[in-house]
Full PDB file with SEQRES, HELIX, SHEET, SSBOND, CRYST1, ORIGX, SCALE, CONECT and MASTER records, all heavy atoms in Angstrom:
SEQRES   1 A   34  PRO LEU ALA GLN GLU LEU SER MET ILE THR HIS HIS PRO          
SEQRES   2 A   34  ARG TYR PHE VAL LEU ARG LYS SER VAL LYS ALA TYR MET          
SEQRES   3 A   34  ARG ASN PRO ILE ALA ILE GLY MET                              
HELIX    1 AA1 LEU A    2  ILE A    9  1                                   8    
CRYST1    1.000    1.000    1.000  90.00  90.00  90.00 P 1           1          
ORIGX1      1.000000  0.000000  0.000000        0.00000                         
ORIGX2      0.000000  1.000000  0.000000        0.00000                         
ORIGX3      0.000000  0.000000  1.000000        0.00000                         
SCALE1      1.000000  0.000000  0.000000        0.00000                         
SCALE2      0.000000  1.000000  0.000000        0.00000                         
SCALE3      0.000000  0.000000  1.000000        0.00000                         
ATOM      1  N   PRO A   1       0.124  10.150   0.967  1.00  0.00           N  
ATOM      2  CA  PRO A   1       1.093  11.172   0.565  1.00  0.00           C  
ATOM      3  C   PRO A   1       2.340  11.201   1.451  1.00  0.00           C  
ATOM      4  O   PRO A   1       3.451  11.448   0.978  1.00  0.00           O  
ATOM      5  CB  PRO A   1       0.314  12.485   0.649  1.00  0.00           C  
ATOM      6  CG  PRO A   1      -0.890  12.194   1.471  1.00  0.00           C  
ATOM      7  CD  PRO A   1      -1.178  10.731   1.309  1.00  0.00           C  
ATOM      8  N   LEU A   2       2.156  10.899   2.742  1.00  0.00           N  
ATOM      9  CA  LEU A   2       3.296  10.862   3.656  1.00  0.00           C  
ATOM     10  C   LEU A   2       4.239   9.721   3.289  1.00  0.00           C  
ATOM     11  O   LEU A   2       5.463   9.899   3.255  1.00  0.00           O  
ATOM     12  CB  LEU A   2       2.809  10.715   5.096  1.00  0.00           C  
ATOM     13  CG  LEU A   2       3.901  10.661   6.160  1.00  0.00           C  
ATOM     14  CD1 LEU A   2       4.721  11.942   6.181  1.00  0.00           C  
ATOM     15  CD2 LEU A   2       3.277  10.400   7.529  1.00  0.00           C  
ATOM     16  N   ALA A   3       3.688   8.548   3.020  1.00  0.00           N  
ATOM     17  CA  ALA A   3       4.516   7.399   2.623  1.00  0.00           C  
ATOM     18  C   ALA A   3       5.257   7.686   1.321  1.00  0.00           C  
ATOM     19  O   ALA A   3       6.421   7.307   1.157  1.00  0.00           O  
ATOM     20  CB  ALA A   3       3.651   6.152   2.487  1.00  0.00           C  
ATOM     21  N   GLN A   4       4.592   8.357   0.390  1.00  0.00           N  
ATOM     22  CA  GLN A   4       5.215   8.716  -0.887  1.00  0.00           C  
ATOM     23  C   GLN A   4       6.447   9.595  -0.662  1.00  0.00           C  
ATOM     24  O   GLN A   4       7.538   9.316  -1.159  1.00  0.00           O  
ATOM     25  CB  GLN A   4       4.186   9.472  -1.749  1.00  0.00           C  
ATOM     26  CG  GLN A   4       4.736  10.078  -3.007  1.00  0.00           C  
ATOM     27  CD  GLN A   4       4.686   9.146  -4.195  1.00  0.00           C  
ATOM     28  OE1 GLN A   4       3.919   8.194  -4.209  1.00  0.00           O  
ATOM     29  NE2 GLN A   4       5.500   9.408  -5.173  1.00  0.00           N  
ATOM     30  N   GLU A   5       6.271  10.665   0.106  1.00  0.00           N  
ATOM     31  CA  GLU A   5       7.389  11.585   0.380  1.00  0.00           C  
ATOM     32  C   GLU A   5       8.501  10.896   1.161  1.00  0.00           C  
ATOM     33  O   GLU A   5       9.677  11.053   0.860  1.00  0.00           O  
ATOM     34  CB  GLU A   5       6.888  12.806   1.164  1.00  0.00           C  
ATOM     35  CG  GLU A   5       6.083  13.788   0.362  1.00  0.00           C  
ATOM     36  CD  GLU A   5       6.922  14.604  -0.610  1.00  0.00           C  
ATOM     37  OE1 GLU A   5       8.159  14.670  -0.466  1.00  0.00           O  
ATOM     38  OE2 GLU A   5       6.324  15.186  -1.534  1.00  0.00           O  
ATOM     39  N   LEU A   6       8.113  10.140   2.170  1.00  0.00           N  
ATOM     40  CA  LEU A   6       9.097   9.467   3.024  1.00  0.00           C  
ATOM     41  C   LEU A   6       9.885   8.425   2.242  1.00  0.00           C  
ATOM     42  O   LEU A   6      11.089   8.251   2.447  1.00  0.00           O  
ATOM     43  CB  LEU A   6       8.382   8.841   4.223  1.00  0.00           C  
ATOM     44  CG  LEU A   6       9.186   8.482   5.458  1.00  0.00           C  
ATOM     45  CD1 LEU A   6      10.078   9.624   5.923  1.00  0.00           C  
ATOM     46  CD2 LEU A   6       8.251   8.057   6.584  1.00  0.00           C  
ATOM     47  N   SER A   7       9.228   7.760   1.313  1.00  0.00           N  
ATOM     48  CA  SER A   7       9.916   6.783   0.465  1.00  0.00           C  
ATOM     49  C   SER A   7      10.997   7.459  -0.376  1.00  0.00           C  
ATOM     50  O   SER A   7      12.117   6.954  -0.491  1.00  0.00           O  
ATOM     51  CB  SER A   7       8.924   6.087  -0.465  1.00  0.00           C  
ATOM     52  OG  SER A   7       8.128   5.180   0.243  1.00  0.00           O  
ATOM     53  N   MET A   8      10.653   8.584  -0.949  1.00  0.00           N  
ATOM     54  CA  MET A   8      11.616   9.305  -1.787  1.00  0.00           C  
ATOM     55  C   MET A   8      12.795   9.822  -0.955  1.00  0.00           C  
ATOM     56  O   MET A   8      13.951   9.683  -1.347  1.00  0.00           O  
ATOM     57  CB  MET A   8      10.924  10.464  -2.513  1.00  0.00           C  
ATOM     58  CG  MET A   8       9.826  10.018  -3.472  1.00  0.00           C  
ATOM     59  SD  MET A   8      10.406   8.858  -4.729  1.00  0.00           S  
ATOM     60  CE  MET A   8      11.419   9.935  -5.718  1.00  0.00           C  
ATOM     61  N   ILE A   9      12.495  10.399   0.193  1.00  0.00           N  
ATOM     62  CA  ILE A   9      13.549  10.975   1.040  1.00  0.00           C  
ATOM     63  C   ILE A   9      14.508   9.907   1.554  1.00  0.00           C  
ATOM     64  O   ILE A   9      15.713  10.135   1.656  1.00  0.00           O  
ATOM     65  CB  ILE A   9      12.910  11.762   2.212  1.00  0.00           C  
ATOM     66  CG1 ILE A   9      12.223  13.028   1.682  1.00  0.00           C  
ATOM     67  CG2 ILE A   9      13.945  12.129   3.270  1.00  0.00           C  
ATOM     68  CD1 ILE A   9      11.307  13.695   2.673  1.00  0.00           C  
ATOM     69  N   THR A  10      13.963   8.720   1.877  1.00  0.00           N  
ATOM     70  CA  THR A  10      14.796   7.641   2.433  1.00  0.00           C  
ATOM     71  C   THR A  10      15.353   6.707   1.356  1.00  0.00           C  
ATOM     72  O   THR A  10      15.945   5.687   1.675  1.00  0.00           O  
ATOM     73  CB  THR A  10      13.999   6.817   3.463  1.00  0.00           C  
ATOM     74  OG1 THR A  10      12.860   6.230   2.813  1.00  0.00           O  
ATOM     75  CG2 THR A  10      13.551   7.675   4.633  1.00  0.00           C  
ATOM     76  N   HIS A  11      15.134   7.072   0.095  1.00  0.00           N  
ATOM     77  CA  HIS A  11      15.659   6.299  -1.047  1.00  0.00           C  
ATOM     78  C   HIS A  11      15.114   4.873  -1.089  1.00  0.00           C  
ATOM     79  O   HIS A  11      15.840   3.919  -1.337  1.00  0.00           O  
ATOM     80  CB  HIS A  11      17.194   6.298  -1.039  1.00  0.00           C  
ATOM     81  CG  HIS A  11      17.773   7.672  -0.946  1.00  0.00           C  
ATOM     82  ND1 HIS A  11      17.714   8.582  -1.980  1.00  0.00           N  
ATOM     83  CD2 HIS A  11      18.395   8.311   0.075  1.00  0.00           C  
ATOM     84  CE1 HIS A  11      18.288   9.716  -1.603  1.00  0.00           C  
ATOM     85  NE2 HIS A  11      18.700   9.583  -0.367  1.00  0.00           N  
ATOM     86  N   HIS A  12      13.797   4.768  -0.847  1.00  0.00           N  
ATOM     87  CA  HIS A  12      13.086   3.503  -0.974  1.00  0.00           C  
ATOM     88  C   HIS A  12      12.018   3.705  -2.049  1.00  0.00           C  
ATOM     89  O   HIS A  12      10.946   4.241  -1.758  1.00  0.00           O  
ATOM     90  CB  HIS A  12      12.447   3.090   0.358  1.00  0.00           C  
ATOM     91  CG  HIS A  12      13.443   2.654   1.373  1.00  0.00           C  
ATOM     92  ND1 HIS A  12      14.226   3.535   2.089  1.00  0.00           N  
ATOM     93  CD2 HIS A  12      13.804   1.412   1.786  1.00  0.00           C  
ATOM     94  CE1 HIS A  12      15.014   2.855   2.903  1.00  0.00           C  
ATOM     95  NE2 HIS A  12      14.781   1.567   2.739  1.00  0.00           N  
ATOM     96  N   PRO A  13      12.313   3.322  -3.291  1.00  0.00           N  
ATOM     97  CA  PRO A  13      11.416   3.659  -4.404  1.00  0.00           C  
ATOM     98  C   PRO A  13      10.060   2.952  -4.401  1.00  0.00           C  
ATOM     99  O   PRO A  13       9.167   3.318  -5.145  1.00  0.00           O  
ATOM    100  CB  PRO A  13      12.221   3.266  -5.644  1.00  0.00           C  
ATOM    101  CG  PRO A  13      13.203   2.264  -5.159  1.00  0.00           C  
ATOM    102  CD  PRO A  13      13.511   2.621  -3.735  1.00  0.00           C  
ATOM    103  N   ARG A  14       9.870   1.965  -3.536  1.00  0.00           N  
ATOM    104  CA  ARG A  14       8.602   1.220  -3.508  1.00  0.00           C  
ATOM    105  C   ARG A  14       8.041   1.244  -2.098  1.00  0.00           C  
ATOM    106  O   ARG A  14       8.770   1.044  -1.119  1.00  0.00           O  
ATOM    107  CB  ARG A  14       8.871  -0.236  -3.937  1.00  0.00           C  
ATOM    108  CG  ARG A  14       7.658  -1.150  -3.901  1.00  0.00           C  
ATOM    109  CD  ARG A  14       6.853  -1.030  -5.172  1.00  0.00           C  
ATOM    110  NE  ARG A  14       5.896  -2.113  -5.318  1.00  0.00           N  
ATOM    111  CZ  ARG A  14       4.607  -2.041  -4.952  1.00  0.00           C  
ATOM    112  NH1 ARG A  14       4.142  -0.963  -4.382  1.00  0.00           N  
ATOM    113  NH2 ARG A  14       3.805  -3.059  -5.157  1.00  0.00           N  
ATOM    114  N   TYR A  15       6.737   1.532  -1.994  1.00  0.00           N  
ATOM    115  CA  TYR A  15       6.041   1.401  -0.713  1.00  0.00           C  
ATOM    116  C   TYR A  15       4.708   0.701  -0.971  1.00  0.00           C  
ATOM    117  O   TYR A  15       4.278   0.550  -2.120  1.00  0.00           O  
ATOM    118  CB  TYR A  15       5.833   2.759  -0.030  1.00  0.00           C  
ATOM    119  CG  TYR A  15       4.887   3.700  -0.743  1.00  0.00           C  
ATOM    120  CD1 TYR A  15       3.544   3.780  -0.397  1.00  0.00           C  
ATOM    121  CD2 TYR A  15       5.350   4.534  -1.759  1.00  0.00           C  
ATOM    122  CE1 TYR A  15       2.677   4.648  -1.045  1.00  0.00           C  
ATOM    123  CE2 TYR A  15       4.501   5.403  -2.410  1.00  0.00           C  
ATOM    124  CZ  TYR A  15       3.164   5.463  -2.051  1.00  0.00           C  
ATOM    125  OH  TYR A  15       2.314   6.324  -2.702  1.00  0.00           O  
ATOM    126  N   PHE A  16       4.058   0.242   0.093  1.00  0.00           N  
ATOM    127  CA  PHE A  16       2.840  -0.545  -0.051  1.00  0.00           C  
ATOM    128  C   PHE A  16       1.686   0.120   0.701  1.00  0.00           C  
ATOM    129  O   PHE A  16       1.891   0.733   1.749  1.00  0.00           O  
ATOM    130  CB  PHE A  16       3.049  -1.966   0.471  1.00  0.00           C  
ATOM    131  CG  PHE A  16       4.043  -2.741  -0.346  1.00  0.00           C  
ATOM    132  CD1 PHE A  16       5.404  -2.683  -0.053  1.00  0.00           C  
ATOM    133  CD2 PHE A  16       3.636  -3.499  -1.437  1.00  0.00           C  
ATOM    134  CE1 PHE A  16       6.333  -3.378  -0.815  1.00  0.00           C  
ATOM    135  CE2 PHE A  16       4.557  -4.193  -2.207  1.00  0.00           C  
ATOM    136  CZ  PHE A  16       5.907  -4.130  -1.897  1.00  0.00           C  
ATOM    137  N   VAL A  17       0.477  -0.051   0.142  1.00  0.00           N  
ATOM    138  CA  VAL A  17      -0.725   0.533   0.738  1.00  0.00           C  
ATOM    139  C   VAL A  17      -1.698  -0.580   1.112  1.00  0.00           C  
ATOM    140  O   VAL A  17      -2.057  -1.407   0.266  1.00  0.00           O  
ATOM    141  CB  VAL A  17      -1.416   1.505  -0.243  1.00  0.00           C  
ATOM    142  CG1 VAL A  17      -2.688   2.090   0.385  1.00  0.00           C  
ATOM    143  CG2 VAL A  17      -0.463   2.621  -0.663  1.00  0.00           C  
ATOM    144  N   LEU A  18      -2.099  -0.600   2.374  1.00  0.00           N  
ATOM    145  CA  LEU A  18      -3.151  -1.505   2.820  1.00  0.00           C  
ATOM    146  C   LEU A  18      -4.473  -0.830   2.476  1.00  0.00           C  
ATOM    147  O   LEU A  18      -4.766   0.260   2.978  1.00  0.00           O  
ATOM    148  CB  LEU A  18      -3.048  -1.763   4.325  1.00  0.00           C  
ATOM    149  CG  LEU A  18      -1.696  -2.310   4.814  1.00  0.00           C  
ATOM    150  CD1 LEU A  18      -1.719  -2.497   6.326  1.00  0.00           C  
ATOM    151  CD2 LEU A  18      -1.339  -3.602   4.111  1.00  0.00           C  
ATOM    152  N   ARG A  19      -5.252  -1.457   1.593  1.00  0.00           N  
ATOM    153  CA  ARG A  19      -6.494  -0.864   1.118  1.00  0.00           C  
ATOM    154  C   ARG A  19      -7.641  -1.165   2.078  1.00  0.00           C  
ATOM    155  O   ARG A  19      -7.535  -2.046   2.931  1.00  0.00           O  
ATOM    156  CB  ARG A  19      -6.830  -1.390  -0.286  1.00  0.00           C  
ATOM    157  CG  ARG A  19      -5.733  -1.218  -1.322  1.00  0.00           C  
ATOM    158  CD  ARG A  19      -5.401   0.230  -1.630  1.00  0.00           C  
ATOM    159  NE  ARG A  19      -6.550   0.992  -2.079  1.00  0.00           N  
ATOM    160  CZ  ARG A  19      -6.882   1.162  -3.353  1.00  0.00           C  
ATOM    161  NH1 ARG A  19      -6.149   0.626  -4.319  1.00  0.00           N  
ATOM    162  NH2 ARG A  19      -7.939   1.890  -3.681  1.00  0.00           N  
ATOM    163  N   LYS A  20      -8.763  -0.459   1.918  1.00  0.00           N  
ATOM    164  CA  LYS A  20      -9.915  -0.645   2.802  1.00  0.00           C  
ATOM    165  C   LYS A  20     -11.025  -1.470   2.169  1.00  0.00           C  
ATOM    166  O   LYS A  20     -12.083  -1.645   2.761  1.00  0.00           O  
ATOM    167  CB  LYS A  20     -10.435   0.710   3.269  1.00  0.00           C  
ATOM    168  CG  LYS A  20      -9.448   1.391   4.207  1.00  0.00           C  
ATOM    169  CD  LYS A  20      -9.970   2.676   4.766  1.00  0.00           C  
ATOM    170  CE  LYS A  20      -8.947   3.282   5.711  1.00  0.00           C  
ATOM    171  NZ  LYS A  20      -9.320   4.634   6.126  1.00  0.00           N  
ATOM    172  N   SER A  21     -10.763  -1.969   0.971  1.00  0.00           N  
ATOM    173  CA  SER A  21     -11.709  -2.881   0.331  1.00  0.00           C  
ATOM    174  C   SER A  21     -10.960  -3.695  -0.720  1.00  0.00           C  
ATOM    175  O   SER A  21      -9.886  -3.294  -1.177  1.00  0.00           O  
ATOM    176  CB  SER A  21     -12.878  -2.127  -0.307  1.00  0.00           C  
ATOM    177  OG  SER A  21     -12.411  -1.257  -1.322  1.00  0.00           O  
ATOM    178  N   VAL A  22     -11.535  -4.807  -1.085  1.00  0.00           N  
ATOM    179  CA  VAL A  22     -10.939  -5.654  -2.120  1.00  0.00           C  
ATOM    180  C   VAL A  22     -11.151  -4.976  -3.474  1.00  0.00           C  
ATOM    181  O   VAL A  22     -12.248  -4.501  -3.778  1.00  0.00           O  
ATOM    182  CB  VAL A  22     -11.574  -7.061  -2.118  1.00  0.00           C  
ATOM    183  CG1 VAL A  22     -11.056  -7.892  -3.281  1.00  0.00           C  
ATOM    184  CG2 VAL A  22     -11.315  -7.761  -0.789  1.00  0.00           C  
ATOM    185  N   LYS A  23     -10.094  -4.910  -4.269  1.00  0.00           N  
ATOM    186  CA  LYS A  23     -10.160  -4.289  -5.599  1.00  0.00           C  
ATOM    187  C   LYS A  23     -10.102  -5.372  -6.670  1.00  0.00           C  
ATOM    188  O   LYS A  23      -9.499  -6.433  -6.474  1.00  0.00           O  
ATOM    189  CB  LYS A  23      -8.992  -3.311  -5.791  1.00  0.00           C  
ATOM    190  CG  LYS A  23      -8.894  -2.241  -4.708  1.00  0.00           C  
ATOM    191  CD  LYS A  23     -10.130  -1.384  -4.654  1.00  0.00           C  
ATOM    192  CE  LYS A  23     -10.055  -0.352  -3.541  1.00  0.00           C  
ATOM    193  NZ  LYS A  23     -11.290   0.399  -3.367  1.00  0.00           N  
ATOM    194  N   ALA A  24     -10.681  -5.074  -7.831  1.00  0.00           N  
ATOM    195  CA  ALA A  24     -10.771  -6.058  -8.916  1.00  0.00           C  
ATOM    196  C   ALA A  24      -9.405  -6.521  -9.410  1.00  0.00           C  
ATOM    197  O   ALA A  24      -9.251  -7.655  -9.859  1.00  0.00           O  
ATOM    198  CB  ALA A  24     -11.578  -5.472 -10.074  1.00  0.00           C  
ATOM    199  N   TYR A  25      -8.402  -5.661  -9.319  1.00  0.00           N  
ATOM    200  CA  TYR A  25      -7.070  -6.016  -9.826  1.00  0.00           C  
ATOM    201  C   TYR A  25      -6.309  -6.967  -8.907  1.00  0.00           C  
ATOM    202  O   TYR A  25      -5.280  -7.524  -9.287  1.00  0.00           O  
ATOM    203  CB  TYR A  25      -6.232  -4.746 -10.043  1.00  0.00           C  
ATOM    204  CG  TYR A  25      -5.865  -4.016  -8.776  1.00  0.00           C  
ATOM    205  CD1 TYR A  25      -4.774  -4.428  -7.994  1.00  0.00           C  
ATOM    206  CD2 TYR A  25      -6.596  -2.916  -8.343  1.00  0.00           C  
ATOM    207  CE1 TYR A  25      -4.433  -3.769  -6.825  1.00  0.00           C  
ATOM    208  CE2 TYR A  25      -6.254  -2.241  -7.182  1.00  0.00           C  
ATOM    209  CZ  TYR A  25      -5.179  -2.673  -6.430  1.00  0.00           C  
ATOM    210  OH  TYR A  25      -4.840  -2.015  -5.270  1.00  0.00           O  
ATOM    211  N   MET A  26      -6.776  -7.150  -7.680  1.00  0.00           N  
ATOM    212  CA  MET A  26      -6.025  -7.922  -6.687  1.00  0.00           C  
ATOM    213  C   MET A  26      -6.053  -9.410  -6.989  1.00  0.00           C  
ATOM    214  O   MET A  26      -7.068  -9.955  -7.412  1.00  0.00           O  
ATOM    215  CB  MET A  26      -6.576  -7.666  -5.287  1.00  0.00           C  
ATOM    216  CG  MET A  26      -6.346  -6.267  -4.782  1.00  0.00           C  
ATOM    217  SD  MET A  26      -7.018  -6.082  -3.101  1.00  0.00           S  
ATOM    218  CE  MET A  26      -6.383  -4.472  -2.666  1.00  0.00           C  
ATOM    219  N   ARG A  27      -4.918 -10.055  -6.727  1.00  0.00           N  
ATOM    220  CA  ARG A  27      -4.824 -11.515  -6.819  1.00  0.00           C  
ATOM    221  C   ARG A  27      -4.695 -12.080  -5.411  1.00  0.00           C  
ATOM    222  O   ARG A  27      -3.813 -11.682  -4.663  1.00  0.00           O  
ATOM    223  CB  ARG A  27      -3.594 -11.922  -7.621  1.00  0.00           C  
ATOM    224  CG  ARG A  27      -3.655 -11.601  -9.075  1.00  0.00           C  
ATOM    225  CD  ARG A  27      -2.462 -12.205  -9.762  1.00  0.00           C  
ATOM    226  NE  ARG A  27      -2.349 -11.780 -11.130  1.00  0.00           N  
ATOM    227  CZ  ARG A  27      -1.248 -11.888 -11.836  1.00  0.00           C  
ATOM    228  NH1 ARG A  27      -0.163 -12.409 -11.300  1.00  0.00           N  
ATOM    229  NH2 ARG A  27      -1.219 -11.504 -13.092  1.00  0.00           N  
ATOM    230  N   ASN A  28      -5.564 -13.002  -5.076  1.00  0.00           N  
ATOM    231  CA  ASN A  28      -5.543 -13.649  -3.759  1.00  0.00           C  
ATOM    232  C   ASN A  28      -5.429 -12.640  -2.609  1.00  0.00           C  
ATOM    233  O   ASN A  28      -4.497 -12.717  -1.794  1.00  0.00           O  
ATOM    234  CB  ASN A  28      -4.394 -14.660  -3.677  1.00  0.00           C  
ATOM    235  CG  ASN A  28      -4.458 -15.675  -4.789  1.00  0.00           C  
ATOM    236  OD1 ASN A  28      -5.522 -16.211  -5.081  1.00  0.00           O  
ATOM    237  ND2 ASN A  28      -3.338 -15.930  -5.435  1.00  0.00           N  
ATOM    238  N   PRO A  29      -6.343 -11.668  -2.537  1.00  0.00           N  
ATOM    239  CA  PRO A  29      -6.245 -10.662  -1.473  1.00  0.00           C  
ATOM    240  C   PRO A  29      -6.398 -11.271  -0.083  1.00  0.00           C  
ATOM    241  O   PRO A  29      -7.124 -12.245   0.100  1.00  0.00           O  
ATOM    242  CB  PRO A  29      -7.400  -9.704  -1.788  1.00  0.00           C  
ATOM    243  CG  PRO A  29      -8.355 -10.511  -2.606  1.00  0.00           C  
ATOM    244  CD  PRO A  29      -7.527 -11.496  -3.367  1.00  0.00           C  
ATOM    245  N   ILE A  30      -5.699 -10.665   0.880  1.00  0.00           N  
ATOM    246  CA  ILE A  30      -5.762 -11.099   2.273  1.00  0.00           C  
ATOM    247  C   ILE A  30      -6.391  -9.949   3.052  1.00  0.00           C  
ATOM    248  O   ILE A  30      -5.913  -8.820   2.966  1.00  0.00           O  
ATOM    249  CB  ILE A  30      -4.361 -11.416   2.811  1.00  0.00           C  
ATOM    250  CG1 ILE A  30      -3.732 -12.530   1.951  1.00  0.00           C  
ATOM    251  CG2 ILE A  30      -4.395 -11.834   4.265  1.00  0.00           C  
ATOM    252  CD1 ILE A  30      -2.287 -12.345   1.692  1.00  0.00           C  
ATOM    253  N   ALA A  31      -7.458 -10.228   3.800  1.00  0.00           N  
ATOM    254  CA  ALA A  31      -8.194  -9.167   4.487  1.00  0.00           C  
ATOM    255  C   ALA A  31      -8.393  -9.496   5.960  1.00  0.00           C  
ATOM    256  O   ALA A  31      -8.511 -10.661   6.342  1.00  0.00           O  
ATOM    257  CB  ALA A  31      -9.548  -8.953   3.818  1.00  0.00           C  
ATOM    258  N   ILE A  32      -8.426  -8.430   6.786  1.00  0.00           N  
ATOM    259  CA  ILE A  32      -8.783  -8.565   8.201  1.00  0.00           C  
ATOM    260  C   ILE A  32      -9.676  -7.388   8.575  1.00  0.00           C  
ATOM    261  O   ILE A  32      -9.677  -6.353   7.911  1.00  0.00           O  
ATOM    262  CB  ILE A  32      -7.543  -8.610   9.130  1.00  0.00           C  
ATOM    263  CG1 ILE A  32      -6.732  -7.320   9.028  1.00  0.00           C  
ATOM    264  CG2 ILE A  32      -6.670  -9.803   8.859  1.00  0.00           C  
ATOM    265  CD1 ILE A  32      -5.731  -7.166  10.143  1.00  0.00           C  
ATOM    266  N   GLY A  33     -10.438  -7.533   9.661  1.00  0.00           N  
ATOM    267  CA  GLY A  33     -11.316  -6.467  10.132  1.00  0.00           C  
ATOM    268  C   GLY A  33     -10.547  -5.374  10.840  1.00  0.00           C  
ATOM    269  O   GLY A  33      -9.455  -5.593  11.360  1.00  0.00           O  
ATOM    270  N   MET A  34     -11.148  -4.163  10.851  1.00  0.00           N  
ATOM    271  CA  MET A  34     -10.499  -3.012  11.483  1.00  0.00           C  
ATOM    272  C   MET A  34     -11.558  -2.024  11.966  1.00  0.00           C  
ATOM    273  O   MET A  34     -12.603  -1.897  11.354  1.00  0.00           O  
ATOM    274  CB  MET A  34      -9.588  -2.318  10.466  1.00  0.00           C  
ATOM    275  CG  MET A  34      -8.911  -1.079  11.001  1.00  0.00           C  
ATOM    276  SD  MET A  34      -7.976  -0.197   9.736  1.00  0.00           S  
ATOM    277  CE  MET A  34      -9.280   0.698   8.910  1.00  0.00           C  
TER     278      MET A  34                                                      
MASTER        0    0    0    1    0    0    0    6  277    1    0    3          
END                                                                             
């Protein structure tokens, strides 16, 4: 939610989310441990 608001305020209509698991829709996902 913070990235969403900050994107709008700074006039950056696109932001990206690093997910915590591989999703079925992903193409060639890149993963690292955390």
